[in-house]
């Protein structure tokens, strides 16, 4: 084979290799373009949610959410405590009002008791004076119808002279009973010259 023929074959073979390489590069470019379009379409049709995105700001966002939740809980707790404090203050005011009413009622009751006691004492004193002005025999006739304790109460209010005159007109047995009541009424009371003794020993 001559040199000229060999050169022609080499030229043909180089052209074929070049064409094959160009063809392969063209196919590769087309395939890569198609893959990029498929990926773009998939991304557009199915976006990734923000909550699943993992990046450098994800821990900060979680910390902010936790702080927000904690703040809301603290605000709710403060409001609850404020409500309880208002309820306690209202209850305290109500209790103070009730105590004031009870104190006022107690003062009125003590005043009524004082008036009643004063009136009773005044009535007893007036009745004693009436018995003293009556004749001893008439007073003795009335006292004999009383309980000895009751009659002794009037006799101790009278003057010694009036009491003696009435006792002289009483039945001796009744007069003795009245005398025992008067003598034993304050028998256990301590006197100035006799100190009180300890009865428990």
Protein backbone atom coordinates (compact mmCIF):
# COMPACT_ATOMS: atom_id res chain seq x y z
CA UNK A 1 0.00 0.00 0.00
CA UNK A 2 1.29 3.39 -0.89
CA UNK A 3 1.88 6.20 1.53
CA UNK A 4 -0.86 8.30 -0.04
CA UNK A 5 -3.51 5.65 0.67
CA UNK A 6 -2.37 5.31 4.28
CA UNK A 7 -2.72 9.07 4.80
CA UNK A 8 -6.25 9.01 3.42
CA UNK A 9 -7.23 6.21 5.86
CA UNK A 10 -5.77 8.06 8.81
CA UNK A 11 -7.66 11.21 7.87
CA UNK A 12 -10.90 9.26 7.60
CA UNK A 13 -10.30 7.58 10.99
CA UNK A 14 -9.54 10.95 12.68
CA UNK A 15 -12.70 12.44 11.29
CA UNK A 16 -14.74 9.53 12.59
CA UNK A 17 -13.23 9.80 16.07
CA UNK A 18 -13.86 13.50 16.15
CA UNK A 19 -17.45 13.04 15.02
CA UNK A 20 -17.96 10.34 17.67
CA UNK A 21 -16.59 12.56 20.39
CA UNK A 22 -18.81 15.48 19.33
CA UNK A 23 -21.80 13.17 19.25
CA UNK A 24 -21.07 11.85 22.75
CA UNK A 25 -20.62 15.37 24.15
CA UNK A 26 -23.93 16.44 22.61
CA UNK A 27 -25.76 13.47 24.15
CA UNK A 28 -24.22 14.22 27.57
CA UNK A 29 -25.30 17.87 27.43
CA UNK A 30 -28.83 16.88 26.49
CA UNK A 31 -29.08 14.38 29.38
CA UNK A 32 -27.77 16.87 31.95
CA UNK A 33 -30.25 19.50 30.73
CA UNK A 34 -33.11 17.01 31.09
CA UNK A 35 -32.03 16.10 34.67
CA UNK A 36 -31.87 19.77 35.68
CA UNK A 37 -35.36 20.39 34.29
CA UNK A 38 -36.73 17.35 36.17
CA UNK A 39 -35.16 18.50 39.44
CA UNK A 40 -36.51 22.04 38.96
CA UNK A 41 -40.00 20.75 38.25
CA UNK A 42 -39.94 18.51 41.30
CA UNK A 43 -38.79 21.38 43.48
CA UNK A 44 -41.55 23.66 42.23
CA UNK A 45 -44.33 21.06 42.67
CA UNK A 46 -43.28 19.78 46.14
CA UNK A 47 -41.62 22.55 48.21
CA UNK A 48 -39.80 21.60 51.39
CA UNK A 49 -41.60 22.90 54.55
CA UNK A 50 -39.84 25.52 56.59
CA UNK A 51 -40.01 23.37 59.74
CA UNK A 52 -37.94 20.64 58.04
CA UNK A 53 -35.29 22.99 56.80
CA UNK A 54 -32.12 22.39 58.72
CA UNK A 55 -29.67 25.24 58.69
CA UNK A 56 -27.66 27.50 60.94
CA UNK A 57 -30.82 29.40 62.14
CA UNK A 58 -32.75 26.26 63.25
CA UNK A 59 -31.44 26.19 66.90
CA UNK A 60 -32.08 29.92 67.30
CA UNK A 61 -35.65 29.52 66.07
CA UNK A 62 -36.25 26.63 68.50
CA UNK A 63 -34.85 28.68 71.39
CA UNK A 64 -37.08 31.63 70.48
CA UNK A 65 -40.16 29.37 70.38
CA UNK A 66 -39.29 27.94 73.79
CA UNK A 67 -38.78 31.43 75.25
CA UNK A 68 -42.17 32.51 73.85
CA UNK A 69 -43.90 29.51 75.44
CA UNK A 70 -42.19 30.18 78.77
CA UNK A 71 -43.22 33.85 78.65
CA UNK A 72 -46.85 32.89 77.99
CA UNK A 73 -46.81 30.48 80.92
CA UNK A 74 -45.34 33.11 83.23
CA UNK A 75 -47.96 35.65 82.17
CA UNK A 76 -50.75 33.15 82.82
CA UNK A 77 -49.25 32.32 86.23
CA UNK A 78 -48.99 36.00 87.15
CA UNK A 79 -52.62 36.54 86.19
CA UNK A 80 -53.70 33.56 88.30
CA UNK A 81 -51.75 34.86 91.30
CA UNK A 82 -53.26 38.31 90.83
CA UNK A 83 -56.77 36.80 90.81
CA UNK A 84 -56.03 34.90 94.01
CA UNK A 85 -54.64 38.01 95.68
CA UNK A 86 -57.76 39.97 94.76
CA UNK A 87 -59.93 37.16 96.18
CA UNK A 88 -57.95 37.14 99.44
CA UNK A 89 -58.23 40.92 99.75
CA UNK A 90 -62.01 40.76 99.17
CA UNK A 91 -62.35 38.01 101.80
CA UNK A 92 -60.26 40.02 104.27
CA UNK A 93 -62.43 43.09 103.75
CA UNK A 94 -65.56 40.99 104.30
CA UNK A 95 -64.14 39.49 107.51
CA UNK A 96 -63.20 42.94 108.81
CA UNK A 97 -66.71 44.20 108.08
CA UNK A 98 -68.24 41.23 109.92
CA UNK A 99 -65.92 41.78 112.89
CA UNK A 100 -66.89 45.46 113.00
CA UNK A 101 -70.57 44.49 112.96
CA UNK A 102 -70.02 41.98 115.78
CA UNK A 103 -68.16 44.56 117.86
CA UNK A 104 -70.96 47.09 117.36
CA UNK A 105 -73.55 44.45 118.30
CA UNK A 106 -71.54 43.52 121.41
CA UNK A 107 -71.34 47.16 122.47
CA UNK A 108 -75.12 47.56 122.04
CA UNK A 109 -75.72 44.34 123.97
CA UNK A 110 -73.49 45.44 126.84
CA UNK A 111 -75.32 48.75 126.94
CA UNK A 112 -78.69 46.98 127.09
CA UNK A 113 -77.43 44.66 129.84
CA UNK A 114 -76.17 47.65 131.78
CA UNK A 115 -79.52 49.37 131.40
CA UNK A 116 -81.31 46.20 132.42
CA UNK A 117 -79.07 45.66 135.44
CA UNK A 118 -79.47 49.29 136.46
CA UNK A 119 -83.22 49.06 136.11
CA UNK A 120 -83.34 45.80 138.08
CA UNK A 121 -81.16 47.22 140.84
CA UNK A 122 -83.26 50.35 140.94
CA UNK A 123 -86.45 48.27 141.20
CA UNK A 124 -85.00 46.14 144.00
CA UNK A 125 -83.85 49.21 145.91
CA UNK A 126 -87.26 50.82 145.57
CA UNK A 127 -89.01 47.63 146.69
CA UNK A 128 -86.69 47.36 149.70
CA UNK A 129 -87.55 50.91 150.70
CA UNK A 130 -91.26 50.02 150.44
CA UNK A 131 -90.78 47.03 152.77
CA UNK A 132 -88.87 49.22 155.23
CA UNK A 133 -91.69 51.78 155.39
CA UNK A 134 -94.32 49.10 156.03
CA UNK A 135 -95.02 47.86 159.50
CA UNK A 136 -92.76 45.03 160.68
CA UNK A 137 -95.70 42.67 161.13
CA UNK A 138 -96.98 43.34 157.61
CA UNK A 139 -93.51 42.86 156.08
CA UNK A 140 -93.00 39.66 158.12
CA UNK A 141 -96.30 38.30 156.81
CA UNK A 142 -95.09 38.88 153.22
CA UNK A 143 -91.60 37.47 153.86
CA UNK A 144 -93.05 34.29 155.35
CA UNK A 145 -94.55 33.56 151.92
CA UNK A 146 -91.15 33.94 150.20
CA UNK A 147 -88.30 31.52 149.80
CA UNK A 148 -85.77 32.10 152.63
CA UNK A 149 -83.05 32.98 150.09
CA UNK A 150 -85.28 35.63 148.50
CA UNK A 151 -86.31 37.12 151.85
CA UNK A 152 -82.68 37.15 153.01
CA UNK A 153 -81.79 39.25 149.98
CA UNK A 154 -84.23 41.98 151.00
CA UNK A 155 -83.23 41.87 154.68
CA UNK A 156 -79.55 42.41 153.84
CA UNK A 157 -80.50 45.55 151.92
CA UNK A 158 -82.40 47.04 154.84
CA UNK A 159 -81.02 48.90 157.79
CA UNK A 160 -80.16 46.75 160.86
CA UNK A 161 -83.04 48.25 162.87
CA UNK A 162 -85.65 47.49 160.19
CA UNK A 163 -84.29 43.96 159.66
CA UNK A 164 -84.36 43.24 163.41
CA UNK A 165 -87.96 44.43 163.71
CA UNK A 166 -89.07 42.22 160.82
CA UNK A 167 -87.11 39.16 162.09
CA UNK A 168 -88.82 39.54 165.48
CA UNK A 169 -92.23 39.20 163.80
CA UNK A 170 -91.28 36.08 161.73
CA UNK A 171 -91.96 32.51 162.78
CA UNK A 172 -88.90 31.32 164.75
CA UNK A 173 -88.24 28.36 162.38
CA UNK A 174 -88.50 30.59 159.29
CA UNK A 175 -86.40 33.31 160.94
CA UNK A 176 -83.76 30.67 161.69
CA UNK A 177 -83.70 29.56 158.01
CA UNK A 178 -83.29 33.16 156.86
CA UNK A 179 -80.50 33.70 159.40
CA UNK A 180 -78.64 30.60 158.14
CA UNK A 181 -78.87 31.87 154.53
CA UNK A 182 -77.51 35.30 155.51
CA UNK A 183 -74.72 33.81 157.66
CA UNK A 184 -73.53 31.29 155.07
CA UNK A 185 -73.85 33.51 152.01
CA UNK A 186 -70.36 34.97 152.44
CA UNK A 187 -68.94 32.44 154.87
CA UNK A 188 -66.18 31.38 152.44
CA UNK A 189 -65.18 34.92 151.49
CA UNK A 190 -61.75 36.01 152.86
CA UNK A 191 -61.63 38.81 155.43
CA UNK A 192 -59.03 41.51 156.01
CA UNK A 193 -57.58 39.88 159.15
CA UNK A 194 -57.85 36.30 157.84
CA UNK A 195 -55.84 35.44 154.71
CA UNK A 196 -57.33 33.12 152.15
CA UNK A 197 -56.26 29.49 152.72
CA UNK A 198 -55.46 26.92 150.07
CA UNK A 199 -58.33 24.42 150.15
CA UNK A 200 -56.78 22.14 147.50
CA UNK A 201 -53.93 20.89 149.72
